[in-house]
Amino acid sequence: MITYALMFAIGCYALALLFNLYRVVKSPGVTDRILALDTMAVNAIGLFVCFGIWEGTAIFFEASILYAMVGFVSTVAYAKFLLRGDLIE
């Protein structure tokens, strides 16, 4: 039963990633693209966790933690770049 639930969750996360990719390409403003990229990072983390449960290994959980840190830092850096024009003060 857990296999079917994981397959459904992986399908939902994959569909959400496709919708986010569409939003990145077709959004009217840059702030919408930043929000879509951040949401893509969250969905990718969920996908990593689902794959980790499915495979039964801890490497996917470690990868999801690393991806969460990199995704957060990149979102903050990109938003700061749009607000101020430079990253280093």
PDB file of N, CA and C in Angstrom:
ATOM      1  N   MET A   1       0.816  -1.194   0.000  1.00  0.00           N
ATOM      2  CA  MET A   1       0.000   0.000   0.000  1.00  0.00           C
ATOM      3  C   MET A   1       0.859   1.258   0.000  1.00  0.00           C
ATOM      4  N   ILE A   2       1.976   1.216   0.717  1.00  0.00           N
ATOM      5  CA  ILE A   2       2.853   2.388   0.762  1.00  0.00           C
ATOM      6  C   ILE A   2       3.474   2.663  -0.604  1.00  0.00           C
ATOM      7  N   THR A   3       3.645   1.618  -1.408  1.00  0.00           N
ATOM      8  CA  THR A   3       4.219   1.806  -2.740  1.00  0.00           C
ATOM      9  C   THR A   3       3.287   2.633  -3.609  1.00  0.00           C
ATOM     10  N   TYR A   4       2.002   2.365  -3.541  1.00  0.00           N
ATOM     11  CA  TYR A   4       1.043   3.138  -4.329  1.00  0.00           C
ATOM     12  C   TYR A   4       0.969   4.587  -3.859  1.00  0.00           C
ATOM     13  N   ALA A   5       1.047   4.783  -2.561  1.00  0.00           N
ATOM     14  CA  ALA A   5       1.032   6.142  -2.024  1.00  0.00           C
ATOM     15  C   ALA A   5       2.282   6.907  -2.456  1.00  0.00           C
ATOM     16  N   LEU A   6       3.429   6.240  -2.450  1.00  0.00           N
ATOM     17  CA  LEU A   6       4.664   6.896  -2.890  1.00  0.00           C
ATOM     18  C   LEU A   6       4.629   7.203  -4.382  1.00  0.00           C
ATOM     19  N   MET A   7       4.092   6.289  -5.168  1.00  0.00           N
ATOM     20  CA  MET A   7       3.988   6.547  -6.601  1.00  0.00           C
ATOM     21  C   MET A   7       3.051   7.727  -6.878  1.00  0.00           C
ATOM     22  N   PHE A   8       1.961   7.814  -6.133  1.00  0.00           N
ATOM     23  CA  PHE A   8       1.048   8.942  -6.280  1.00  0.00           C
ATOM     24  C   PHE A   8       1.722  10.250  -5.872  1.00  0.00           C
ATOM     25  N   ALA A   9       2.451  10.230  -4.757  1.00  0.00           N
ATOM     26  CA  ALA A   9       3.139  11.436  -4.290  1.00  0.00           C
ATOM     27  C   ALA A   9       4.225  11.873  -5.271  1.00  0.00           C
ATOM     28  N   ILE A  10       4.968  10.921  -5.818  1.00  0.00           N
ATOM     29  CA  ILE A  10       6.007  11.259  -6.791  1.00  0.00           C
ATOM     30  C   ILE A  10       5.370  11.854  -8.047  1.00  0.00           C
ATOM     31  N   GLY A  11       4.256  11.302  -8.474  1.00  0.00           N
ATOM     32  CA  GLY A  11       3.545  11.857  -9.624  1.00  0.00           C
ATOM     33  C   GLY A  11       3.045  13.273  -9.373  1.00  0.00           C
ATOM     34  N   CYS A  12       2.539  13.509  -8.169  1.00  0.00           N
ATOM     35  CA  CYS A  12       2.063  14.854  -7.826  1.00  0.00           C
ATOM     36  C   CYS A  12       3.205  15.856  -7.779  1.00  0.00           C
ATOM     37  N   TYR A  13       4.334  15.461  -7.182  1.00  0.00           N
ATOM     38  CA  TYR A  13       5.488  16.357  -7.133  1.00  0.00           C
ATOM     39  C   TYR A  13       6.046  16.615  -8.529  1.00  0.00           C
ATOM     40  N   ALA A  14       6.056  15.603  -9.387  1.00  0.00           N
ATOM     41  CA  ALA A  14       6.544  15.791 -10.755  1.00  0.00           C
ATOM     42  C   ALA A  14       5.621  16.731 -11.530  1.00  0.00           C
ATOM     43  N   LEU A  15       4.329  16.576 -11.350  1.00  0.00           N
ATOM     44  CA  LEU A  15       3.379  17.472 -12.002  1.00  0.00           C
ATOM     45  C   LEU A  15       3.527  18.903 -11.487  1.00  0.00           C
ATOM     46  N   ALA A  16       3.738  19.047 -10.192  1.00  0.00           N
ATOM     47  CA  ALA A  16       3.943  20.379  -9.622  1.00  0.00           C
ATOM     48  C   ALA A  16       5.229  21.009 -10.163  1.00  0.00           C
ATOM     49  N   LEU A  17       6.266  20.208 -10.350  1.00  0.00           N
ATOM     50  CA  LEU A  17       7.496  20.744 -10.935  1.00  0.00           C
ATOM     51  C   LEU A  17       7.272  21.211 -12.373  1.00  0.00           C
ATOM     52  N   LEU A  18       6.475  20.488 -13.123  1.00  0.00           N
ATOM     53  CA  LEU A  18       6.167  20.921 -14.484  1.00  0.00           C
ATOM     54  C   LEU A  18       5.366  22.228 -14.491  1.00  0.00           C
ATOM     55  N   PHE A  19       4.412  22.356 -13.587  1.00  0.00           N
ATOM     56  CA  PHE A  19       3.650  23.600 -13.494  1.00  0.00           C
ATOM     57  C   PHE A  19       4.547  24.766 -13.087  1.00  0.00           C
ATOM     58  N   ASN A  20       5.481  24.503 -12.174  1.00  0.00           N
ATOM     59  CA  ASN A  20       6.409  25.554 -11.770  1.00  0.00           C
ATOM     60  C   ASN A  20       7.344  25.941 -12.904  1.00  0.00           C
ATOM     61  N   LEU A  21       7.775  24.962 -13.674  1.00  0.00           N
ATOM     62  CA  LEU A  21       8.625  25.269 -14.823  1.00  0.00           C
ATOM     63  C   LEU A  21       7.885  26.137 -15.831  1.00  0.00           C
ATOM     64  N   TYR A  22       6.618  25.837 -16.046  1.00  0.00           N
ATOM     65  CA  TYR A  22       5.801  26.682 -16.926  1.00  0.00           C
ATOM     66  C   TYR A  22       5.721  28.099 -16.368  1.00  0.00           C
ATOM     67  N   ARG A  23       5.564  28.222 -15.060  1.00  0.00           N
ATOM     68  CA  ARG A  23       5.467  29.543 -14.436  1.00  0.00           C
ATOM     69  C   ARG A  23       6.777  30.302 -14.538  1.00  0.00           C
ATOM     70  N   VAL A  24       7.897  29.608 -14.461  1.00  0.00           N
ATOM     71  CA  VAL A  24       9.196  30.273 -14.618  1.00  0.00           C
ATOM     72  C   VAL A  24       9.336  30.825 -16.030  1.00  0.00           C
ATOM     73  N   VAL A  25       8.891  30.067 -17.014  1.00  0.00           N
ATOM     74  CA  VAL A  25       9.059  30.480 -18.408  1.00  0.00           C
ATOM     75  C   VAL A  25       8.062  31.564 -18.798  1.00  0.00           C
ATOM     76  N   LYS A  26       6.817  31.443 -18.384  1.00  0.00           N
ATOM     77  CA  LYS A  26       5.749  32.315 -18.866  1.00  0.00           C
ATOM     78  C   LYS A  26       5.283  33.385 -17.880  1.00  0.00           C
ATOM     79  N   SER A  27       6.001  33.621 -16.814  1.00  0.00           N
ATOM     80  CA  SER A  27       5.517  34.596 -15.835  1.00  0.00           C
ATOM     81  C   SER A  27       5.759  36.029 -16.327  1.00  0.00           C
ATOM     82  N   PRO A  28       4.893  36.958 -15.911  1.00  0.00           N
ATOM     83  CA  PRO A  28       5.031  38.333 -16.393  1.00  0.00           C
ATOM     84  C   PRO A  28       6.148  39.124 -15.706  1.00  0.00           C
ATOM     85  N   GLY A  29       6.489  38.779 -14.483  1.00  0.00           N
ATOM     86  CA  GLY A  29       7.488  39.565 -13.762  1.00  0.00           C
ATOM     87  C   GLY A  29       8.595  38.711 -13.183  1.00  0.00           C
ATOM     88  N   VAL A  30       9.645  39.397 -12.774  1.00  0.00           N
ATOM     89  CA  VAL A  30      10.801  38.696 -12.220  1.00  0.00           C
ATOM     90  C   VAL A  30      10.498  38.139 -10.832  1.00  0.00           C
ATOM     91  N   THR A  31       9.678  38.844 -10.066  1.00  0.00           N
ATOM     92  CA  THR A  31       9.354  38.351  -8.722  1.00  0.00           C
ATOM     93  C   THR A  31       8.548  37.058  -8.783  1.00  0.00           C
ATOM     94  N   ASP A  32       7.695  36.936  -9.798  1.00  0.00           N
ATOM     95  CA  ASP A  32       6.957  35.685  -9.970  1.00  0.00           C
ATOM     96  C   ASP A  32       7.905  34.534 -10.305  1.00  0.00           C
ATOM     97  N   ARG A  33       8.938  34.829 -11.058  1.00  0.00           N
ATOM     98  CA  ARG A  33       9.915  33.792 -11.403  1.00  0.00           C
ATOM     99  C   ARG A  33      10.709  33.356 -10.183  1.00  0.00           C
ATOM    100  N   ILE A  34      11.057  34.304  -9.313  1.00  0.00           N
ATOM    101  CA  ILE A  34      11.764  33.950  -8.078  1.00  0.00           C
ATOM    102  C   ILE A  34      10.890  33.056  -7.215  1.00  0.00           C
ATOM    103  N   LEU A  35       9.631  33.409  -7.095  1.00  0.00           N
ATOM    104  CA  LEU A  35       8.704  32.606  -6.296  1.00  0.00           C
ATOM    105  C   LEU A  35       8.529  31.211  -6.886  1.00  0.00           C
ATOM    106  N   ALA A  36       8.462  31.114  -8.216  1.00  0.00           N
ATOM    107  CA  ALA A  36       8.333  29.810  -8.856  1.00  0.00           C
ATOM    108  C   ALA A  36       9.597  28.974  -8.667  1.00  0.00           C
ATOM    109  N   LEU A  37      10.764  29.586  -8.734  1.00  0.00           N
ATOM    110  CA  LEU A  37      12.009  28.845  -8.506  1.00  0.00           C
ATOM    111  C   LEU A  37      12.104  28.352  -7.072  1.00  0.00           C
ATOM    112  N   ASP A  38      11.664  29.169  -6.125  1.00  0.00           N
ATOM    113  CA  ASP A  38      11.679  28.742  -4.732  1.00  0.00           C
ATOM    114  C   ASP A  38      10.693  27.597  -4.509  1.00  0.00           C
ATOM    115  N   THR A  39       9.542  27.663  -5.143  1.00  0.00           N
ATOM    116  CA  THR A  39       8.569  26.579  -5.032  1.00  0.00           C
ATOM    117  C   THR A  39       9.088  25.310  -5.699  1.00  0.00           C
ATOM    118  N   MET A  40       9.841  25.466  -6.790  1.00  0.00           N
ATOM    119  CA  MET A  40      10.463  24.301  -7.428  1.00  0.00           C
ATOM    120  C   MET A  40      11.452  23.630  -6.483  1.00  0.00           C
ATOM    121  N   ALA A  41      12.182  24.428  -5.720  1.00  0.00           N
ATOM    122  CA  ALA A  41      13.127  23.857  -4.764  1.00  0.00           C
ATOM    123  C   ALA A  41      12.393  23.065  -3.683  1.00  0.00           C
ATOM    124  N   VAL A  42      11.283  23.596  -3.208  1.00  0.00           N
ATOM    125  CA  VAL A  42      10.505  22.891  -2.189  1.00  0.00           C
ATOM    126  C   VAL A  42       9.941  21.585  -2.744  1.00  0.00           C
ATOM    127  N   ASN A  43       9.441  21.616  -3.977  1.00  0.00           N
ATOM    128  CA  ASN A  43       8.908  20.398  -4.588  1.00  0.00           C
ATOM    129  C   ASN A  43      10.008  19.377  -4.853  1.00  0.00           C
ATOM    130  N   ALA A  44      11.181  19.835  -5.229  1.00  0.00           N
ATOM    131  CA  ALA A  44      12.302  18.912  -5.445  1.00  0.00           C
ATOM    132  C   ALA A  44      12.720  18.257  -4.131  1.00  0.00           C
ATOM    133  N   ILE A  45      12.654  18.997  -3.041  1.00  0.00           N
ATOM    134  CA  ILE A  45      12.968  18.421  -1.731  1.00  0.00           C
ATOM    135  C   ILE A  45      11.960  17.323  -1.391  1.00  0.00           C
ATOM    136  N   GLY A  46      10.689  17.586  -1.635  1.00  0.00           N
ATOM    137  CA  GLY A  46       9.669  16.560  -1.404  1.00  0.00           C
ATOM    138  C   GLY A  46       9.875  15.332  -2.271  1.00  0.00           C
ATOM    139  N   LEU A  47      10.322  15.549  -3.502  1.00  0.00           N
ATOM    140  CA  LEU A  47      10.606  14.438  -4.405  1.00  0.00           C
ATOM    141  C   LEU A  47      11.790  13.621  -3.901  1.00  0.00           C
ATOM    142  N   PHE A  48      12.828  14.291  -3.412  1.00  0.00           N
ATOM    143  CA  PHE A  48      13.979  13.585  -2.837  1.00  0.00           C
ATOM    144  C   PHE A  48      13.567  12.741  -1.639  1.00  0.00           C
ATOM    145  N   VAL A  49      12.713  13.297  -0.790  1.00  0.00           N
ATOM    146  CA  VAL A  49      12.273  12.561   0.396  1.00  0.00           C
ATOM    147  C   VAL A  49      11.449  11.334  -0.002  1.00  0.00           C
ATOM    148  N   CYS A  50      10.583  11.501  -0.994  1.00  0.00           N
ATOM    149  CA  CYS A  50       9.797  10.348  -1.462  1.00  0.00           C
ATOM    150  C   CYS A  50      10.695   9.254  -2.039  1.00  0.00           C
ATOM    151  N   PHE A  51      11.697   9.646  -2.812  1.00  0.00           N
ATOM    152  CA  PHE A  51      12.634   8.655  -3.335  1.00  0.00           C
ATOM    153  C   PHE A  51      13.427   7.986  -2.208  1.00  0.00           C
ATOM    154  N   GLY A  52      13.747   8.752  -1.157  1.00  0.00           N
ATOM    155  CA  GLY A  52      14.448   8.174  -0.018  1.00  0.00           C
ATOM    156  C   GLY A  52      13.613   7.155   0.724  1.00  0.00           C
ATOM    157  N   ILE A  53      12.326   7.420   0.864  1.00  0.00           N
ATOM    158  CA  ILE A  53      11.439   6.455   1.505  1.00  0.00           C
ATOM    159  C   ILE A  53      11.303   5.222   0.632  1.00  0.00           C
ATOM    160  N   TRP A  54      11.169   5.431  -0.672  1.00  0.00           N
ATOM    161  CA  TRP A  54      10.981   4.316  -1.596  1.00  0.00           C
ATOM    162  C   TRP A  54      12.207   3.403  -1.622  1.00  0.00           C
ATOM    163  N   GLU A  55      13.392   3.986  -1.697  1.00  0.00           N
ATOM    164  CA  GLU A  55      14.620   3.194  -1.767  1.00  0.00           C
ATOM    165  C   GLU A  55      15.071   2.692  -0.392  1.00  0.00           C
ATOM    166  N   GLY A  56      14.682   3.374   0.648  1.00  0.00           N
ATOM    167  CA  GLY A  56      15.074   2.957   1.991  1.00  0.00           C
ATOM    168  C   GLY A  56      16.501   3.322   2.349  1.00  0.00           C
ATOM    169  N   THR A  57      17.045   4.353   1.699  1.00  0.00           N
ATOM    170  CA  THR A  57      18.402   4.795   1.993  1.00  0.00           C
ATOM    171  C   THR A  57      18.369   6.207   2.558  1.00  0.00           C
ATOM    172  N   ALA A  58      19.408   6.534   3.294  1.00  0.00           N
ATOM    173  CA  ALA A  58      19.483   7.856   3.918  1.00  0.00           C
ATOM    174  C   ALA A  58      20.144   8.889   3.022  1.00  0.00           C
ATOM    175  N   ILE A  59      20.719   8.483   1.919  1.00  0.00           N
ATOM    176  CA  ILE A  59      21.438   9.430   1.067  1.00  0.00           C
ATOM    177  C   ILE A  59      20.490  10.460   0.454  1.00  0.00           C
ATOM    178  N   PHE A  60      19.262  10.077   0.168  1.00  0.00           N
ATOM    179  CA  PHE A  60      18.302  11.023  -0.388  1.00  0.00           C
ATOM    180  C   PHE A  60      17.883  12.062   0.644  1.00  0.00           C
ATOM    181  N   PHE A  61      17.827  11.674   1.912  1.00  0.00           N
ATOM    182  CA  PHE A  61      17.491  12.627   2.959  1.00  0.00           C
ATOM    183  C   PHE A  61      18.606  13.645   3.154  1.00  0.00           C
ATOM    184  N   GLU A  62      19.843  13.181   3.081  1.00  0.00           N
ATOM    185  CA  GLU A  62      20.970  14.101   3.180  1.00  0.00           C
ATOM    186  C   GLU A  62      21.014  15.038   1.988  1.00  0.00           C
ATOM    187  N   ALA A  63      20.713  14.516   0.810  1.00  0.00           N
ATOM    188  CA  ALA A  63      20.668  15.352  -0.385  1.00  0.00           C
ATOM    189  C   ALA A  63      19.556  16.387  -0.289  1.00  0.00           C
ATOM    190  N   SER A  64      18.430  16.010   0.292  1.00  0.00           N
ATOM    191  CA  SER A  64      17.335  16.972   0.430  1.00  0.00           C
ATOM    192  C   SER A  64      17.691  18.091   1.399  1.00  0.00           C
ATOM    193  N   ILE A  65      18.423  17.778   2.457  1.00  0.00           N
ATOM    194  CA  ILE A  65      18.855  18.821   3.396  1.00  0.00           C
ATOM    195  C   ILE A  65      19.834  19.777   2.724  1.00  0.00           C
ATOM    196  N   LEU A  66      20.781  19.232   1.972  1.00  0.00           N
ATOM    197  CA  LEU A  66      21.726  20.085   1.253  1.00  0.00           C
ATOM    198  C   LEU A  66      21.027  20.939   0.209  1.00  0.00           C
ATOM    199  N   TYR A  67      20.073  20.354  -0.498  1.00  0.00           N
ATOM    200  CA  TYR A  67      19.335  21.102  -1.511  1.00  0.00           C
ATOM    201  C   TYR A  67      18.484  22.198  -0.873  1.00  0.00           C
ATOM    202  N   ALA A  68      17.963  21.945   0.309  1.00  0.00           N
ATOM    203  CA  ALA A  68      17.182  22.964   1.010  1.00  0.00           C
ATOM    204  C   ALA A  68      18.057  24.158   1.387  1.00  0.00           C
ATOM    205  N   MET A  69      19.264  23.875   1.872  1.00  0.00           N
ATOM    206  CA  MET A  69      20.166  24.978   2.227  1.00  0.00           C
ATOM    207  C   MET A  69      20.580  25.783   1.006  1.00  0.00           C
ATOM    208  N   VAL A  70      20.935  25.109  -0.062  1.00  0.00           N
ATOM    209  CA  VAL A  70      21.353  25.805  -1.276  1.00  0.00           C
ATOM    210  C   VAL A  70      20.180  26.572  -1.884  1.00  0.00           C
ATOM    211  N   GLY A  71      18.999  25.984  -1.878  1.00  0.00           N
ATOM    212  CA  GLY A  71      17.824  26.659  -2.419  1.00  0.00           C
ATOM    213  C   GLY A  71      17.471  27.915  -1.641  1.00  0.00           C
ATOM    214  N   PHE A  72      17.566  27.861  -0.323  1.00  0.00           N
ATOM    215  CA  PHE A  72      17.265  29.035   0.494  1.00  0.00           C
ATOM    216  C   PHE A  72      18.270  30.146   0.242  1.00  0.00           C
ATOM    217  N   VAL A  73      19.545  29.804   0.237  1.00  0.00           N
ATOM    218  CA  VAL A  73      20.583  30.816   0.034  1.00  0.00           C
ATOM    219  C   VAL A  73      20.476  31.429  -1.361  1.00  0.00           C
ATOM    220  N   SER A  74      20.208  30.628  -2.366  1.00  0.00           N
ATOM    221  CA  SER A  74      20.103  31.174  -3.717  1.00  0.00           C
ATOM    222  C   SER A  74      18.878  32.070  -3.866  1.00  0.00           C
ATOM    223  N   THR A  75      17.773  31.730  -3.228  1.00  0.00           N
ATOM    224  CA  THR A  75      16.589  32.588  -3.291  1.00  0.00           C
ATOM    225  C   THR A  75      16.836  33.921  -2.613  1.00  0.00           C
ATOM    226  N   VAL A  76      17.468  33.898  -1.468  1.00  0.00           N
ATOM    227  CA  VAL A  76      17.768  35.140  -0.759  1.00  0.00           C
ATOM    228  C   VAL A  76      18.762  35.982  -1.550  1.00  0.00           C
ATOM    229  N   ALA A  77      19.778  35.353  -2.126  1.00  0.00           N
ATOM    230  CA  ALA A  77      20.771  36.092  -2.902  1.00  0.00           C
ATOM    231  C   ALA A  77      20.153  36.724  -4.143  1.00  0.00           C
ATOM    232  N   TYR A  78      19.281  35.995  -4.818  1.00  0.00           N
ATOM    233  CA  TYR A  78      18.648  36.536  -6.012  1.00  0.00           C
ATOM    234  C   TYR A  78      17.708  37.689  -5.668  1.00  0.00           C
ATOM    235  N   ALA A  79      16.969  37.564  -4.578  1.00  0.00           N
ATOM    236  CA  ALA A  79      16.083  38.645  -4.158  1.00  0.00           C
ATOM    237  C   ALA A  79      16.882  39.877  -3.744  1.00  0.00           C
ATOM    238  N   LYS A  80      17.993  39.670  -3.058  1.00  0.00           N
ATOM    239  CA  LYS A  80      18.844  40.792  -2.656  1.00  0.00           C
ATOM    240  C   LYS A  80      19.452  41.468  -3.878  1.00  0.00           C
ATOM    241  N   PHE A  81      19.833  40.677  -4.869  1.00  0.00           N
ATOM    242  CA  PHE A  81      20.379  41.241  -6.095  1.00  0.00           C
ATOM    243  C   PHE A  81      19.336  42.103  -6.811  1.00  0.00           C
ATOM    244  N   LEU A  82      18.093  41.670  -6.819  1.00  0.00           N
ATOM    245  CA  LEU A  82      17.052  42.467  -7.473  1.00  0.00           C
ATOM    246  C   LEU A  82      16.743  43.744  -6.711  1.00  0.00           C
ATOM    247  N   LEU A  83      16.829  43.698  -5.391  1.00  0.00           N
ATOM    248  CA  LEU A  83      16.523  44.891  -4.599  1.00  0.00           C
ATOM    249  C   LEU A  83      17.640  45.922  -4.636  1.00  0.00           C
ATOM    250  N   ARG A  84      18.886  45.476  -4.513  1.00  0.00           N
ATOM    251  CA  ARG A  84      19.998  46.413  -4.356  1.00  0.00           C
ATOM    252  C   ARG A  84      20.908  46.515  -5.575  1.00  0.00           C
ATOM    253  N   GLY A  85      20.923  45.511  -6.416  1.00  0.00           N
ATOM    254  CA  GLY A  85      21.766  45.569  -7.593  1.00  0.00           C
ATOM    255  C   GLY A  85      23.133  44.934  -7.430  1.00  0.00           C
ATOM    256  N   ASP A  86      23.515  44.624  -6.191  1.00  0.00           N
ATOM    257  CA  ASP A  86      24.764  43.920  -5.953  1.00  0.00           C
ATOM    258  C   ASP A  86      24.595  42.971  -4.783  1.00  0.00           C
ATOM    259  N   LEU A  87      25.482  41.998  -4.696  1.00  0.00           N
ATOM    260  CA  LEU A  87      25.382  41.014  -3.619  1.00  0.00           C
ATOM    261  C   LEU A  87      26.314  41.321  -2.460  1.00  0.00           C
ATOM    262  N   ILE A  88      27.449  41.919  -2.741  1.00  0.00           N
ATOM    263  CA  ILE A  88      28.453  42.190  -1.722  1.00  0.00           C
ATOM    264  C   ILE A  88      28.447  43.685  -1.422  1.00  0.00           C
ATOM    265  N   GLU A  89      28.304  43.993  -0.155  1.00  0.00           N
ATOM    266  CA  GLU A  89      28.268  45.425   0.233  1.00  0.00           C
ATOM    267  C   GLU A  89      29.630  45.911   0.604  1.00  0.00           C
TER     268      GLU A  89
END
